[in-house]
Protein backbone atom coordinates (compact mmCIF):
# COMPACT_ATOMS: atom_id res chain seq x y z
CA MET A 1 -15.50 -16.94 11.21
CA SER A 2 -14.10 -19.96 12.93
CA ALA A 3 -10.86 -21.82 13.12
CA GLU A 4 -10.27 -25.51 13.52
CA GLY A 5 -11.27 -26.41 17.05
CA GLU A 6 -11.80 -22.73 17.98
CA LYS A 7 -14.60 -20.19 17.83
CA THR A 8 -14.55 -16.45 17.99
CA THR A 9 -17.19 -14.42 19.78
CA THR A 10 -18.82 -11.64 17.79
CA ALA A 11 -21.39 -9.06 18.78
CA ASP A 12 -25.00 -9.67 17.93
CA PRO A 13 -25.82 -7.08 15.29
CA ALA A 14 -29.53 -7.31 16.12
CA GLY A 15 -29.28 -5.62 19.52
CA PRO A 16 -29.01 -1.80 19.68
CA ALA A 17 -26.47 -1.90 22.51
CA ALA A 18 -24.36 -4.45 20.66
CA GLY A 19 -24.56 -2.33 17.52
CA ARG A 20 -23.34 0.74 19.39
CA THR A 21 -20.51 -1.26 20.92
CA ALA A 22 -19.48 -2.60 17.53
CA LYS A 23 -19.51 0.91 16.05
CA ARG A 24 -17.36 2.25 18.89
CA ALA A 25 -14.91 -0.61 18.43
CA MET A 26 -14.76 0.04 14.68
CA ALA A 27 -14.26 3.76 15.29
CA GLY A 28 -11.38 2.98 17.63
CA ARG A 29 -9.68 0.71 15.09
CA LEU A 30 -10.22 3.23 12.29
CA SER A 31 -8.82 6.00 14.49
CA TRP A 32 -5.60 4.08 15.04
CA GLY A 33 -5.49 3.28 11.35
CA LEU A 34 -5.82 6.95 10.46
CA ALA A 35 -3.21 7.89 13.06
CA ASP A 36 -0.82 5.32 11.66
CA GLN A 37 -1.42 6.54 8.12
CA ALA A 38 -0.84 10.12 9.23
CA VAL A 39 2.58 9.07 10.51
CA CYS A 40 3.36 7.18 7.27
CA SER A 41 2.08 10.05 5.14
CA MET A 42 4.18 12.66 6.86
CA THR A 43 7.24 10.40 6.86
CA ASN A 44 6.98 9.64 3.13
CA PHE A 45 6.28 13.29 2.39
CA ALA A 46 9.27 14.44 4.45
CA VAL A 47 11.59 11.92 2.80
CA GLY A 48 10.49 12.94 -0.68
CA ILE A 49 10.81 16.66 0.03
CA TYR A 50 14.20 16.28 1.71
CA VAL A 51 15.59 14.16 -1.13
CA ALA A 52 14.16 16.45 -3.83
CA ARG A 53 15.73 19.52 -2.26
CA SER A 54 19.04 17.78 -1.52
CA LEU A 55 19.66 16.05 -4.85
CA GLY A 56 18.01 18.09 -7.61
CA LEU A 57 15.64 17.00 -10.36
CA ALA A 58 17.72 14.39 -12.24
CA ALA A 59 19.00 12.59 -9.11
CA PHE A 60 15.53 12.76 -7.61
CA GLY A 61 14.31 10.96 -10.73
CA VAL A 62 16.78 8.13 -10.01
CA PHE A 63 15.59 7.96 -6.40
CA SER A 64 12.00 7.81 -7.71
CA LEU A 65 12.89 4.80 -9.89
CA ALA A 66 14.20 3.00 -6.80
CA TRP A 67 11.03 4.01 -4.94
CA VAL A 68 8.64 2.58 -7.53
CA THR A 69 10.76 -0.60 -7.75
CA TYR A 70 10.34 -1.02 -4.01
CA GLY A 71 6.61 -0.64 -4.59
CA VAL A 72 6.63 -3.64 -6.93
CA VAL A 73 8.55 -5.79 -4.43
CA LEU A 74 6.22 -4.66 -1.63
CA SER A 75 3.26 -5.77 -3.73
CA VAL A 76 4.79 -9.22 -4.14
CA SER A 77 5.27 -9.51 -0.39
CA ARG A 78 1.79 -8.31 0.41
CA GLY A 79 0.15 -10.55 -2.16
CA ILE A 80 1.62 -13.83 -0.92
CA ALA A 81 2.48 -13.00 2.69
CA THR A 82 0.23 -10.40 4.32
CA ASP A 83 -2.94 -10.00 2.24
CA PRO A 84 -4.04 -13.61 3.00
CA LEU A 85 -3.25 -12.91 6.66
CA VAL A 86 -5.57 -9.90 6.72
CA VAL A 87 -8.39 -11.68 4.89
CA ARG A 88 -8.29 -14.93 6.86
CA PHE A 89 -6.88 -14.02 10.27
CA SER A 90 -8.62 -10.76 11.19
CA GLY A 91 -10.42 -11.26 14.50
CA VAL A 92 -9.45 -14.93 14.97
CA PRO A 93 -8.26 -16.37 18.32
CA ASP A 94 -4.83 -15.21 19.45
CA ALA A 95 -3.15 -18.60 19.04
CA SER A 96 -4.23 -18.83 15.39
CA TRP A 97 -3.15 -15.25 14.71
CA ARG A 98 0.28 -15.73 16.30
CA GLY A 99 1.05 -18.84 14.27
CA ALA A 100 -0.12 -17.16 11.07
CA ALA A 101 1.81 -13.95 11.82
CA ALA A 102 5.03 -15.92 12.35
CA ARG A 103 4.65 -17.69 9.00
CA SER A 104 3.51 -14.55 7.20
CA SER A 105 6.37 -12.36 8.48
CA GLY A 106 8.83 -15.15 7.70
CA THR A 107 7.52 -15.24 4.14
CA ALA A 108 8.01 -11.46 3.86
CA LEU A 109 11.63 -11.89 4.97
CA VAL A 110 12.22 -14.58 2.35
CA VAL A 111 10.76 -12.36 -0.37
CA GLY A 112 12.95 -9.45 0.76
CA GLY A 113 16.08 -11.55 0.87
CA ALA A 114 15.54 -13.23 -2.51
CA ILE A 115 14.55 -10.15 -4.50
CA GLY A 116 17.05 -8.03 -2.58
CA LEU A 117 19.85 -10.29 -3.78
CA VAL A 118 18.66 -9.87 -7.37
CA CYS A 119 18.56 -6.07 -7.00
CA LEU A 120 22.04 -6.07 -5.49
CA VAL A 121 23.54 -8.11 -8.32
CA VAL A 122 21.74 -6.14 -11.04
CA GLY A 123 22.67 -2.82 -9.43
CA LEU A 124 26.34 -3.71 -9.17
CA GLY A 125 26.29 -4.80 -12.80
CA LEU A 126 24.53 -1.67 -14.07
CA GLY A 127 26.81 0.94 -12.56
CA GLY A 128 26.33 4.54 -13.62
CA ARG A 129 23.77 6.66 -11.79
CA VAL A 130 21.04 4.06 -11.43
CA GLY A 131 23.08 0.98 -10.47
CA PRO A 132 24.24 2.05 -6.97
CA ALA A 133 20.69 3.07 -6.02
CA PHE A 134 19.37 -0.37 -6.95
CA ALA A 135 22.23 -2.11 -5.14
CA ALA A 136 21.40 -0.12 -2.00
CA LEU A 137 17.73 -1.02 -2.40
CA GLY A 138 18.66 -4.70 -2.48
CA VAL A 139 20.46 -4.36 0.86
CA VAL A 140 17.52 -2.74 2.67
CA LEU A 141 14.61 -4.73 1.20
CA PRO A 142 14.38 -7.40 3.97
CA GLY A 143 13.97 -4.77 6.70
CA LEU A 144 11.48 -2.74 4.68
CA LEU A 145 9.27 -5.76 3.99
CA LEU A 146 9.43 -7.08 7.56
CA GLN A 147 8.29 -3.76 8.98
CA ASP A 148 5.37 -3.71 6.55
CA ALA A 149 4.47 -7.28 7.55
CA TRP A 150 4.26 -6.28 11.22
CA ARG A 151 1.92 -3.42 10.36
CA TYR A 152 -0.44 -5.78 8.55
CA SER A 153 -0.23 -8.29 11.38
CA PHE A 154 -1.11 -5.72 14.03
CA PHE A 155 -4.14 -4.44 12.11
CA ALA A 156 -5.34 -7.98 11.49
CA ALA A 157 -5.22 -8.51 15.26
CA GLY A 158 -7.12 -5.25 15.86
CA THR A 159 -4.11 -3.66 17.63
CA GLY A 160 -3.48 -0.72 15.34
CA ARG A 161 -1.90 1.17 18.24
CA LYS A 162 1.16 -1.08 17.96
CA ALA A 163 1.45 -0.35 14.24
CA CYS A 164 1.29 3.38 14.93
CA VAL A 165 3.98 3.18 17.63
CA ASN A 166 6.16 1.12 15.29
CA ASP A 167 5.89 3.69 12.51
CA LEU A 168 6.63 6.51 14.96
CA LEU A 169 9.84 4.77 15.95
CA GLY A 170 10.76 4.35 12.28
CA ALA A 171 10.12 8.06 11.67
CA LEU A 172 12.32 9.05 14.60
CA ALA A 173 15.11 6.74 13.44
CA LEU A 174 14.88 8.31 9.98
CA VAL A 175 15.89 11.78 11.20
CA PRO A 176 19.56 11.06 12.03
CA ALA A 177 19.78 8.65 9.08
CA LEU A 178 18.74 11.37 6.62
CA LEU A 179 21.16 13.87 8.15
CA VAL A 180 24.02 11.43 7.58
CA ALA A 181 22.81 10.77 4.02
CA ALA A 182 22.72 14.50 3.30
CA ARG A 183 26.39 14.74 4.27
CA VAL A 184 27.23 11.97 1.79
CA GLY A 185 25.03 13.55 -0.88
CA SER A 186 24.31 10.52 -3.08
CA VAL A 187 21.11 8.72 -4.08
CA GLU A 188 22.29 5.41 -2.62
CA ALA A 189 23.01 7.07 0.73
CA PHE A 190 19.40 8.23 0.97
CA VAL A 191 18.13 4.76 0.01
CA LEU A 192 20.29 3.18 2.73
CA ALA A 193 19.10 5.75 5.28
CA TRP A 194 15.46 5.04 4.46
CA GLY A 195 16.01 1.29 4.78
CA ALA A 196 18.06 1.52 7.98
CA ALA A 197 15.22 3.32 9.77
CA ALA A 198 12.78 0.63 8.59
CA ALA A 199 15.11 -2.08 9.88
CA VAL A 200 15.06 -0.49 13.34
CA ALA A 201 11.25 -0.49 13.33
CA ALA A 202 11.16 -4.07 12.00
CA GLY A 203 13.33 -5.26 14.88
CA TYR A 204 11.08 -3.47 17.36
CA GLY A 205 8.07 -5.17 15.77
CA CYS A 206 9.46 -8.53 16.86
CA PHE A 207 9.62 -7.20 20.41
CA GLN A 208 6.10 -5.72 20.24
CA SER A 209 4.49 -8.89 18.99
CA GLY A 210 6.62 -11.36 20.92
CA ILE A 211 6.79 -13.36 17.70
CA ARG A 212 9.86 -14.60 15.89
CA PRO A 213 9.44 -14.59 12.10
CA ARG A 214 9.62 -18.10 10.65
CA PRO A 215 11.31 -18.01 7.22
CA ASP A 216 11.53 -21.80 7.43
CA ARG A 217 7.72 -21.93 7.33
CA ALA A 218 7.42 -19.75 4.21
CA ARG A 219 6.83 -22.73 1.92
CA ALA A 220 4.10 -24.04 4.23
CA TRP A 221 2.43 -20.59 4.26
CA LEU A 222 2.47 -20.40 0.46
CA ARG A 223 0.94 -23.86 0.25
CA GLU A 224 -1.80 -23.07 2.80
CA GLN A 225 -2.79 -19.77 1.17
CA ARG A 226 -2.23 -20.64 -2.49
CA ASP A 227 -5.90 -20.20 -3.46
CA LEU A 228 -5.74 -16.52 -2.45
CA GLY A 229 -2.05 -15.71 -2.41
CA TYR A 230 -1.18 -16.25 -6.05
CA ARG A 231 -4.18 -14.30 -7.29
CA TYR A 232 -3.39 -11.48 -4.89
CA LEU A 233 0.22 -11.62 -6.05
CA VAL A 234 -0.79 -11.07 -9.68
CA GLU A 235 -3.28 -8.42 -8.63
CA ASN A 236 -0.81 -6.48 -6.48
CA VAL A 237 2.02 -6.71 -8.98
CA GLY A 238 -0.42 -5.40 -11.55
CA VAL A 239 -0.83 -2.27 -9.43
CA SER A 240 2.82 -1.53 -8.71
CA GLY A 241 4.08 -3.01 -11.97
CA ALA A 242 1.85 -0.60 -13.86
CA SER A 243 3.38 2.30 -11.89
CA GLN A 244 6.86 1.06 -12.66
CA LEU A 245 6.13 0.58 -16.36
CA ARG A 246 4.71 4.07 -16.52
CA ALA A 247 7.79 5.49 -14.78
CA TYR A 248 10.24 3.64 -17.02
CA GLY A 249 8.21 4.41 -20.14
CA LEU A 250 7.91 8.08 -19.19
CA GLY A 251 11.67 8.21 -18.71
CA ALA A 252 12.24 6.62 -22.11
CA ILE A 253 9.68 8.77 -23.97
CA VAL A 254 10.20 12.15 -22.29
CA GLY A 255 13.35 11.81 -20.12
CA VAL A 256 14.28 10.92 -16.55
CA SER A 257 13.51 14.48 -15.42
CA ALA A 258 9.85 13.84 -16.31
CA VAL A 259 9.84 11.00 -13.77
CA GLY A 260 10.94 13.52 -11.17
CA VAL A 261 8.18 15.91 -12.24
CA VAL A 262 5.50 13.22 -11.83
CA ARG A 263 6.98 12.19 -8.49
CA GLY A 264 6.93 15.85 -7.44
CA ALA A 265 3.21 16.05 -8.22
CA GLU A 266 2.69 12.86 -6.21
CA LEU A 267 4.52 14.48 -3.30
CA LEU A 268 2.03 17.34 -3.37
CA LEU A 269 -0.64 14.70 -2.91
CA GLY A 270 1.71 12.71 -0.67
CA PRO A 271 -0.24 12.61 2.60
CA PHE A 272 -3.43 11.70 0.77
CA LEU A 273 -1.77 9.14 -1.52
CA ALA A 274 -0.16 7.42 1.44
CA LEU A 275 -3.56 7.33 3.11
CA LEU A 276 -5.08 5.64 0.06
CA MET A 277 -2.28 3.09 -0.24
CA GLY A 278 -2.30 2.24 3.42
CA LEU A 279 -6.05 2.17 4.04
CA SER A 280 -6.10 -1.51 3.12
CA LEU A 281 -4.54 -2.07 6.54
CA VAL A 282 -7.85 -0.95 8.06
CA THR A 283 -10.54 -1.22 5.41
CA VAL A 284 -10.10 -4.88 4.51
CA PRO A 285 -10.18 -6.13 8.14
CA GLU A 286 -13.16 -3.86 8.83
CA ALA A 287 -14.99 -5.00 5.71
CA ALA A 288 -14.35 -8.61 6.77
CA ARG A 289 -15.82 -7.85 10.21
CA VAL A 290 -18.88 -6.17 8.64
CA LEU A 291 -19.38 -9.19 6.40
CA ARG A 292 -19.16 -11.56 9.36
CA GLN A 293 -21.44 -9.56 11.68
CA ALA A 294 -23.90 -7.84 9.31
CA PRO A 295 -23.50 -8.99 5.68
CA HIS A 296 -26.31 -6.78 4.42
CA ARG A 297 -24.33 -3.68 5.42
CA LEU A 298 -21.21 -4.46 3.39
CA ALA A 299 -22.32 -2.63 0.23
CA LYS A 300 -23.19 0.51 2.23
CA PHE A 301 -19.87 0.37 4.06
CA CYS A 302 -17.97 0.18 0.74
CA LEU A 303 -20.03 2.97 -0.84
CA MET A 304 -19.50 5.33 2.09
CA LEU A 305 -15.79 4.58 2.07
CA SER A 306 -15.40 5.32 -1.65
CA GLY A 307 -17.50 8.47 -1.56
CA GLY A 308 -15.65 9.86 1.44
CA LEU A 309 -12.23 9.24 -0.08
CA ALA A 310 -13.13 10.78 -3.45
CA ALA A 311 -14.58 13.88 -1.79
CA ALA A 312 -11.53 14.25 0.45
CA ALA A 313 -9.21 13.99 -2.58
CA LEU A 314 -11.06 16.80 -4.35
CA LEU A 315 -10.90 19.02 -1.27
CA TRP A 316 -7.16 18.36 -1.00
CA GLY A 317 -6.79 19.35 -4.66
CA VAL A 318 -8.63 22.63 -4.12
CA ALA A 319 -6.28 23.41 -1.25
CA LEU A 320 -3.24 22.70 -3.45
CA LEU A 321 -4.50 25.04 -6.17
CA LEU A 322 -4.58 27.85 -3.60
CA VAL A 323 -0.90 27.39 -2.66
CA PRO A 324 1.14 30.42 -3.86
CA ASP A 325 4.17 29.74 -6.07
CA ARG A 326 6.55 31.11 -3.46
CA ALA A 327 5.35 28.61 -0.88
CA GLY A 328 5.51 25.77 -3.41
CA GLU A 329 9.08 26.64 -4.33
CA LEU A 330 9.99 26.71 -0.66
CA VAL A 331 8.80 23.10 -0.35
CA LEU A 332 9.84 21.50 -3.65
CA GLY A 333 12.48 23.90 -4.92
CA ASP A 334 13.01 23.70 -8.70
CA VAL A 335 10.60 20.75 -8.97
CA TRP A 336 7.59 22.96 -8.07
CA GLY A 337 7.33 24.83 -11.38
CA SER A 338 6.77 21.68 -13.45
CA ALA A 339 4.94 19.64 -10.80
CA SER A 340 2.31 22.34 -10.17
CA ASP A 341 1.10 21.97 -13.79
CA LEU A 342 0.03 18.42 -12.94
CA ILE A 343 -2.13 19.24 -9.90
CA VAL A 344 -5.55 19.11 -11.59
CA PRO A 345 -5.12 15.82 -13.51
CA ALA A 346 -3.24 14.25 -10.58
CA VAL A 347 -6.07 15.12 -8.18
CA LEU A 348 -8.69 13.72 -10.54
CA GLY A 349 -6.64 10.53 -10.82
CA VAL A 350 -6.47 10.15 -7.05
CA ALA A 351 -10.21 10.86 -6.73
CA GLY A 352 -10.83 8.14 -9.32
CA SER A 353 -8.72 5.72 -7.31
CA GLY A 354 -10.66 6.63 -4.17
CA LEU A 355 -13.93 5.75 -5.89
CA GLY A 356 -12.69 2.20 -6.43
CA ILE A 357 -11.14 1.56 -3.01
CA GLY A 358 -14.41 0.70 -1.30
CA ALA A 359 -15.28 -1.84 -3.96
CA ALA A 360 -11.79 -3.35 -3.76
CA ALA A 361 -12.11 -3.72 0.02
CA GLY A 362 -15.47 -5.44 -0.40
CA LEU A 363 -14.06 -7.92 -2.90
CA ARG A 364 -11.17 -8.72 -0.56
CA ALA A 365 -13.55 -9.25 2.37
CA LEU A 366 -15.63 -11.61 0.24
CA ALA A 367 -12.42 -13.45 -0.73
CA ALA A 368 -13.56 -12.98 -4.34
CA ALA A 369 -9.98 -13.20 -5.57
CA ARG A 370 -10.96 -14.09 -9.13
CA ARG A 371 -13.19 -11.04 -9.54
CA SER A 372 -10.73 -8.64 -7.88
CA LEU A 373 -8.00 -9.99 -10.16
CA ARG A 374 -10.12 -9.25 -13.24
CA ALA A 375 -10.78 -5.71 -12.07
CA GLN A 376 -7.14 -5.09 -11.22
CA LEU A 377 -5.82 -6.42 -14.53
CA PHE A 378 -8.17 -4.04 -16.34
CA ALA A 379 -7.12 -1.15 -14.08
CA SER A 380 -3.41 -1.85 -14.60
CA ALA A 381 -3.72 -2.09 -18.37
CA ALA A 382 -5.72 1.15 -18.46
CA TYR A 383 -3.16 2.87 -16.20
CA VAL A 384 -0.18 1.91 -18.37
CA GLY A 385 -2.03 2.65 -21.62
CA GLY A 386 -3.31 6.01 -20.43
CA GLY A 387 -0.04 7.03 -18.82
CA LEU A 388 2.21 6.16 -21.75
CA GLY A 389 -0.26 7.21 -24.43
CA GLY A 390 -0.65 10.55 -22.71
CA ALA A 391 3.14 10.87 -22.38
CA ALA A 392 3.59 10.35 -26.12
CA ALA A 393 0.91 12.95 -26.84
CA GLY A 394 1.70 15.58 -24.24
CA GLY A 395 4.70 14.75 -22.06
CA ALA A 396 4.36 14.62 -18.29
CA VAL A 397 1.11 16.63 -18.29
CA GLY A 398 -0.43 14.36 -20.93
CA SER A 399 0.61 11.30 -18.92
CA ALA A 400 -1.17 12.70 -15.85
CA TRP A 401 -4.39 13.27 -17.83
CA GLY A 402 -4.19 9.76 -19.28
CA VAL A 403 -3.86 8.27 -15.80
CA ALA A 404 -6.84 10.32 -14.57
CA ALA A 405 -9.04 8.93 -17.33
CA ALA A 406 -7.81 5.41 -16.62
CA THR A 407 -8.54 5.48 -12.87
CA LEU A 408 -12.04 6.88 -13.34
CA SER A 409 -12.97 4.17 -15.84
CA SER A 410 -11.37 1.46 -13.69
CA SER A 411 -13.47 2.41 -10.68
CA ALA A 412 -16.61 1.55 -12.63
CA VAL A 413 -15.19 -1.92 -13.32
CA TRP A 414 -14.41 -2.45 -9.61
CA TRP A 415 -18.01 -1.67 -8.68
CA LEU A 416 -19.44 -3.93 -11.39
CA GLN A 417 -17.33 -6.80 -10.03
CA LEU A 418 -18.39 -6.09 -6.43
CA ARG A 419 -22.06 -6.06 -7.44
CA SER A 420 -21.68 -9.46 -9.06
CA ALA A 421 -19.74 -10.84 -6.08
CA LEU A 422 -22.39 -9.64 -3.62
CA ARG A 423 -25.13 -11.25 -5.69
CA GLU A 424 -23.22 -14.54 -5.74
CA HIS A 425 -22.62 -14.32 -1.99
CA HIS A 426 -26.30 -13.78 -1.20
CA GLN A 427 -27.34 -16.64 -3.49
CA SER A 428 -24.80 -19.15 -2.15
CA PRO A 429 -25.82 -21.44 0.75
CA PRO A 430 -24.40 -20.50 4.18
CA ARG A 431 -21.14 -22.16 5.12
CA ALA A 432 -19.93 -23.13 8.53
CA SER A 433 -16.71 -21.21 8.07
CA THR A 434 -15.39 -18.59 5.67
CA THR A 435 -11.82 -19.16 6.72
CA ARG A 436 -9.44 -22.01 6.42
CA THR A 437 -7.15 -21.66 9.39
CA PRO A 438 -4.51 -24.33 9.66
CA SER A 439 -3.28 -25.09 13.13
CA PRO A 440 -0.02 -23.28 13.94
CA LYS A 441 3.03 -25.48 13.87
């Protein structure tokens, strides 16, 4: 991969010593990625458990609606701001990375500010139980998205240690914030506490990187990355939008308490789910490096990744089935009784998602945005159809089984698209550069 007027030095995959060095470097980056995801997993798990026990099932359902809405906004930010950064600026010279990181983080801030304003206005207009939670979400969105942008930037640069330290600081800041929120005892207080801790970490990310976000360069970033960004935007919104549609539809069909039940089951899988969602921080840059250094190994890398994740999900599910009811009630309180009925289908759904993650990483590394978009649109439609169809047939449990069937079938589509993309890549003539890297301004 090269930039305009610059070249990066990569190890020669043909030499045994170079191969060992590359594997050690990859292991180091993956280790920091796993450490960072462990921090995120435990933080998300702790927040969910604390809120569930503090607010009860109905209020926890409202908090869950705010959570999945944040997921949609995060997908917008990642699609147009940070996913192109990871694909095109992983392992590039420092000057190119710094310019791109400034524009990318600035774009994330613009997304947070614009959508946050919409959430604030809508929340104030709604009132009731849900309105204040959405108004609070609008206030904290810029900080949440900026912190996420720094994490992506650090992994693109191969400095996952900084991302891990940043998330540790956010976790520490969350402790006093949650204690204050518990005294207030409202959903919006917990949303503000969650966002305040992220804002602290986002500010520290500016110090860590030595980069000032450039919101004024957001339009330039969108223009430079439009061939990838808009497809990734649709793809990412398809993921989180499907989750949101399922949550809203489940609330309408069964009731808002059912949203809390599903969220409770997700909390039982919380550490593993957070690992799956966040692995793109590591897997896409690593897949891009494999493609650049040893293209023939990309398929094997993706296959090993998917197989390992699916197997780990099944092992986690077995462990959950062995948890006694008394211990489950100690963790989730009243939510445990209903959420435990969803363990088997929820685990199968996560295992199905794991089977497709390797293929998705390979498509991102190949910059095959059109093929990954096709696969994601199918996966999103299957997720919504299975989740809502199952809810109509069997409530929260039926929704979980519908999602499990949808994720397993979607994984097959991801792998079919990756196989076609690899064939096209091998048949295409070699190009001087796989990355368009505009000069930083």
